[in-house]
């Protein structure tokens, strides 16, 4: 029983870690980093650079400003390419917060299945976490696609010559989201392993050492 308890405890801690990482990622503003080379004026380099999150963008040392609301009705007048970007941004703002809610629901289901030691509930919760991890992964992939297309659209509008000194990268907020996805998937795998161990331990004639 010690091994089963360890698996369930590790799964619960993994789910809590997944929630904490994703919550920090969603709330932070270092998803996307943009740096503009300014060799002639190093003091202006910080003013030209920016970092952004899901909700706002921070330019240089100025205060952060909200991003354009993708759910606003004014966005309906945009061009086709911009409409596609708005749709991707809208999807990210829906998928990742929903993933947070699903992690909480999954943690509650995992707690109930652990207390009841129900094989079916453990299997359900394990699959639930795996699907939740896939949903978080989908949100991260959509954001990466959105960011790349947004940069390409900006380069198209202003011309490639204006973007030669611009360097873009993804920040630690995105890394937190990746970590959340991994932790959530690991929790699901641990719950499935616990369900299998519990099932083997309940088979007729199975030695007690099967579930250690």
Protein backbone atom coordinates (compact mmCIF):
# COMPACT_ATOMS: atom_id res chain seq x y z
CA UNK A 1 0.00 0.00 0.00
CA UNK A 2 2.98 2.29 0.51
CA UNK A 3 3.70 2.38 -3.23
CA UNK A 4 0.06 3.14 -4.05
CA UNK A 5 0.03 5.97 -1.53
CA UNK A 6 3.26 7.37 -2.96
CA UNK A 7 1.83 7.32 -6.49
CA UNK A 8 -1.35 9.09 -5.40
CA UNK A 9 0.58 11.68 -3.41
CA UNK A 10 2.94 12.34 -6.34
CA UNK A 11 -0.03 12.71 -8.68
CA UNK A 12 -1.69 15.22 -6.33
CA UNK A 13 1.50 17.25 -5.98
CA UNK A 14 1.98 17.15 -9.75
CA UNK A 15 -1.51 18.53 -10.29
CA UNK A 16 -0.89 21.33 -7.77
CA UNK A 17 2.41 22.14 -9.47
CA UNK A 18 0.71 22.16 -12.85
CA UNK A 19 -1.91 24.63 -11.63
CA UNK A 20 0.69 26.89 -10.00
CA UNK A 21 2.87 26.97 -13.11
CA UNK A 22 -0.01 27.66 -15.49
CA UNK A 23 -1.52 30.31 -13.22
CA UNK A 24 1.86 32.08 -13.04
CA UNK A 25 2.26 31.81 -16.81
CA UNK A 26 -1.18 33.22 -17.58
CA UNK A 27 -0.71 36.12 -15.16
CA UNK A 28 2.85 37.06 -16.22
CA UNK A 29 4.00 39.23 -19.11
CA UNK A 30 7.04 37.39 -20.45
CA UNK A 31 5.54 35.16 -23.10
CA UNK A 32 6.99 37.08 -26.02
CA UNK A 33 10.18 39.17 -26.01
CA UNK A 34 11.06 41.72 -28.68
CA UNK A 35 14.45 43.41 -28.75
CA UNK A 36 15.50 46.12 -31.18
CA UNK A 37 19.21 46.57 -31.81
CA UNK A 38 20.30 50.18 -31.34
CA UNK A 39 24.08 50.13 -31.58
CA UNK A 40 24.36 53.91 -31.71
CA UNK A 41 22.43 54.54 -28.52
CA UNK A 42 22.64 51.93 -25.80
CA UNK A 43 20.41 53.96 -23.50
CA UNK A 44 17.63 53.78 -26.06
CA UNK A 45 17.87 50.05 -26.44
CA UNK A 46 15.65 49.42 -23.44
CA UNK A 47 13.08 51.90 -24.74
CA UNK A 48 12.80 50.09 -28.06
CA UNK A 49 12.47 46.63 -26.55
CA UNK A 50 9.25 45.16 -25.22
CA UNK A 51 7.80 42.07 -23.61
CA UNK A 52 4.21 40.93 -23.65
CA UNK A 53 1.87 38.43 -22.11
CA UNK A 54 -1.59 37.20 -22.95
CA UNK A 55 -3.30 40.37 -21.76
CA UNK A 56 -0.89 43.29 -22.10
CA UNK A 57 2.38 44.54 -23.54
CA UNK A 58 5.17 46.43 -21.75
CA UNK A 59 7.34 48.70 -23.88
CA UNK A 60 10.76 49.71 -22.55
CA UNK A 61 10.55 51.15 -19.06
CA UNK A 62 7.01 52.45 -19.55
CA UNK A 63 3.99 51.02 -17.81
CA UNK A 64 2.23 48.10 -19.43
CA UNK A 65 -0.81 48.71 -21.61
CA UNK A 66 -3.61 46.23 -22.41
CA UNK A 67 -3.56 44.40 -25.71
CA UNK A 68 -6.40 44.89 -28.17
CA UNK A 69 -9.46 43.03 -26.93
CA UNK A 70 -9.98 40.15 -29.41
CA UNK A 71 -13.60 39.83 -28.32
CA UNK A 72 -14.44 43.45 -29.13
CA UNK A 73 -16.92 44.06 -31.93
CA UNK A 74 -14.57 46.60 -33.56
CA UNK A 75 -12.31 43.75 -34.66
CA UNK A 76 -14.94 42.67 -37.20
CA UNK A 77 -13.80 45.45 -39.55
CA UNK A 78 -10.23 44.13 -39.77
CA UNK A 79 -8.65 42.48 -42.81
CA UNK A 80 -8.68 38.72 -43.33
CA UNK A 81 -5.12 38.23 -42.09
CA UNK A 82 -5.75 40.34 -39.01
CA UNK A 83 -9.02 38.51 -38.40
CA UNK A 84 -7.08 35.24 -38.37
CA UNK A 85 -4.66 36.66 -35.80
CA UNK A 86 -7.55 37.86 -33.66
CA UNK A 87 -9.12 34.39 -33.82
CA UNK A 88 -5.87 32.78 -32.66
CA UNK A 89 -5.51 35.28 -29.83
CA UNK A 90 -9.11 34.68 -28.83
CA UNK A 91 -8.52 30.91 -28.80
CA UNK A 92 -5.49 31.28 -26.52
CA UNK A 93 -7.42 33.47 -24.08
CA UNK A 94 -10.12 30.81 -23.88
CA UNK A 95 -8.07 27.59 -23.89
CA UNK A 96 -5.48 28.39 -21.21
CA UNK A 97 -7.88 29.79 -18.56
CA UNK A 98 -10.19 26.83 -19.20
CA UNK A 99 -7.19 24.55 -18.64
CA UNK A 100 -6.74 26.13 -15.21
CA UNK A 101 -10.34 25.35 -14.28
CA UNK A 102 -9.99 21.79 -15.57
CA UNK A 103 -6.90 21.22 -13.43
CA UNK A 104 -8.86 22.21 -10.32
CA UNK A 105 -11.74 19.89 -11.26
CA UNK A 106 -9.28 17.08 -12.00
CA UNK A 107 -7.55 17.55 -8.65
CA UNK A 108 -10.89 17.23 -6.86
CA UNK A 109 -11.74 14.09 -8.85
CA UNK A 110 -8.30 12.69 -8.07
CA UNK A 111 -8.77 13.33 -4.37
CA UNK A 112 -12.15 11.60 -4.35
CA UNK A 113 -10.89 8.62 -6.34
CA UNK A 114 -7.88 8.30 -4.03
CA UNK A 115 -10.02 8.31 -0.90
CA UNK A 116 -12.47 5.82 -2.40
CA UNK A 117 -9.64 3.79 -4.02
CA UNK A 118 -11.91 3.30 -6.99
CA UNK A 119 -10.18 1.82 -10.02
CA UNK A 120 -12.68 3.34 -12.44
CA UNK A 121 -12.40 6.79 -10.93
CA UNK A 122 -8.62 6.57 -10.98
CA UNK A 123 -8.66 5.55 -14.64
CA UNK A 124 -11.09 8.35 -15.46
CA UNK A 125 -9.06 10.96 -13.61
CA UNK A 126 -5.82 9.76 -15.16
CA UNK A 127 -7.27 10.05 -18.66
CA UNK A 128 -8.79 13.39 -17.68
CA UNK A 129 -5.38 14.79 -16.73
CA UNK A 130 -3.81 13.48 -19.92
CA UNK A 131 -6.50 15.22 -21.97
CA UNK A 132 -6.06 18.36 -19.87
CA UNK A 133 -2.35 18.30 -20.59
CA UNK A 134 -3.12 17.96 -24.28
CA UNK A 135 -5.44 20.98 -24.05
CA UNK A 136 -2.72 23.06 -22.38
CA UNK A 137 -0.28 21.94 -25.05
CA UNK A 138 -2.75 22.99 -27.74
CA UNK A 139 -3.03 26.44 -26.15
CA UNK A 140 0.76 26.84 -26.11
CA UNK A 141 1.06 25.75 -29.74
CA UNK A 142 -1.69 28.17 -30.76
CA UNK A 143 0.12 30.99 -28.99
CA UNK A 144 3.39 30.19 -30.76
CA UNK A 145 1.59 30.16 -34.10
CA UNK A 146 -0.16 33.42 -33.24
CA UNK A 147 3.11 35.12 -32.30
CA UNK A 148 4.89 34.03 -35.47
CA UNK A 149 2.03 35.13 -37.69
CA UNK A 150 1.76 38.45 -35.85
CA UNK A 151 5.44 39.16 -36.48
CA UNK A 152 5.08 38.17 -40.13
CA UNK A 153 2.06 40.48 -40.49
CA UNK A 154 3.98 43.34 -38.89
CA UNK A 155 6.92 42.77 -41.23
CA UNK A 156 4.55 42.78 -44.19
CA UNK A 157 2.98 46.06 -43.14
CA UNK A 158 6.17 47.97 -42.31
CA UNK A 159 8.53 46.26 -44.75
CA UNK A 160 11.37 43.76 -44.10
CA UNK A 161 13.97 46.55 -43.95
CA UNK A 162 12.41 47.92 -40.78
CA UNK A 163 12.54 44.51 -39.09
CA UNK A 164 16.20 43.66 -39.75
CA UNK A 165 17.35 44.80 -36.31
CA UNK A 166 14.47 43.19 -34.48
CA UNK A 167 15.11 40.01 -32.54
CA UNK A 168 12.22 38.02 -31.13
CA UNK A 169 12.16 35.18 -28.63
CA UNK A 170 9.85 33.46 -26.18
CA UNK A 171 10.25 34.14 -22.48
CA UNK A 172 9.99 32.27 -19.22
CA UNK A 173 6.20 32.57 -19.10
CA UNK A 174 5.98 30.17 -22.03
CA UNK A 175 8.44 27.86 -20.28
CA UNK A 176 6.12 27.80 -17.25
CA UNK A 177 3.24 26.76 -19.50
CA UNK A 178 5.34 23.94 -20.94
CA UNK A 179 6.18 22.84 -17.40
CA UNK A 180 2.50 22.88 -16.45
CA UNK A 181 1.67 20.68 -19.41
CA UNK A 182 4.39 18.18 -18.44
CA UNK A 183 3.33 18.11 -14.76
CA UNK A 184 -0.32 17.59 -15.64
CA UNK A 185 0.49 14.76 -18.04
CA UNK A 186 2.76 13.17 -15.43
CA UNK A 187 -0.07 13.29 -12.88
CA UNK A 188 -2.33 11.50 -15.34
CA UNK A 189 0.27 8.80 -15.96
CA UNK A 190 0.79 8.31 -12.22
CA UNK A 191 -2.94 7.91 -11.64
CA UNK A 192 -3.18 5.33 -14.42
CA UNK A 193 -0.24 3.46 -12.87
CA UNK A 194 -1.96 3.57 -9.48
CA UNK A 195 -5.18 2.23 -11.01
CA UNK A 196 -3.28 -0.65 -12.62
CA UNK A 197 -1.53 -1.49 -9.35
CA UNK A 198 -4.81 -1.40 -7.46
CA UNK A 199 -6.43 -3.63 -10.08
CA UNK A 200 -3.63 -6.19 -9.87
CA UNK A 201 -3.79 -6.16 -6.08
CA UNK A 202 -7.51 -6.99 -6.14
CA UNK A 203 -7.23 -9.95 -8.47
CA UNK A 204 -8.16 -13.29 -6.86
CA UNK A 205 -5.10 -15.08 -5.55
CA UNK A 206 -2.83 -12.08 -6.09
CA UNK A 207 -0.10 -11.80 -3.43
CA UNK A 208 -0.27 -8.80 -1.13
CA UNK A 209 3.17 -7.74 -2.32
CA UNK A 210 1.73 -6.80 -5.73
CA UNK A 211 0.51 -3.50 -4.32
CA UNK A 212 3.46 -2.40 -2.23
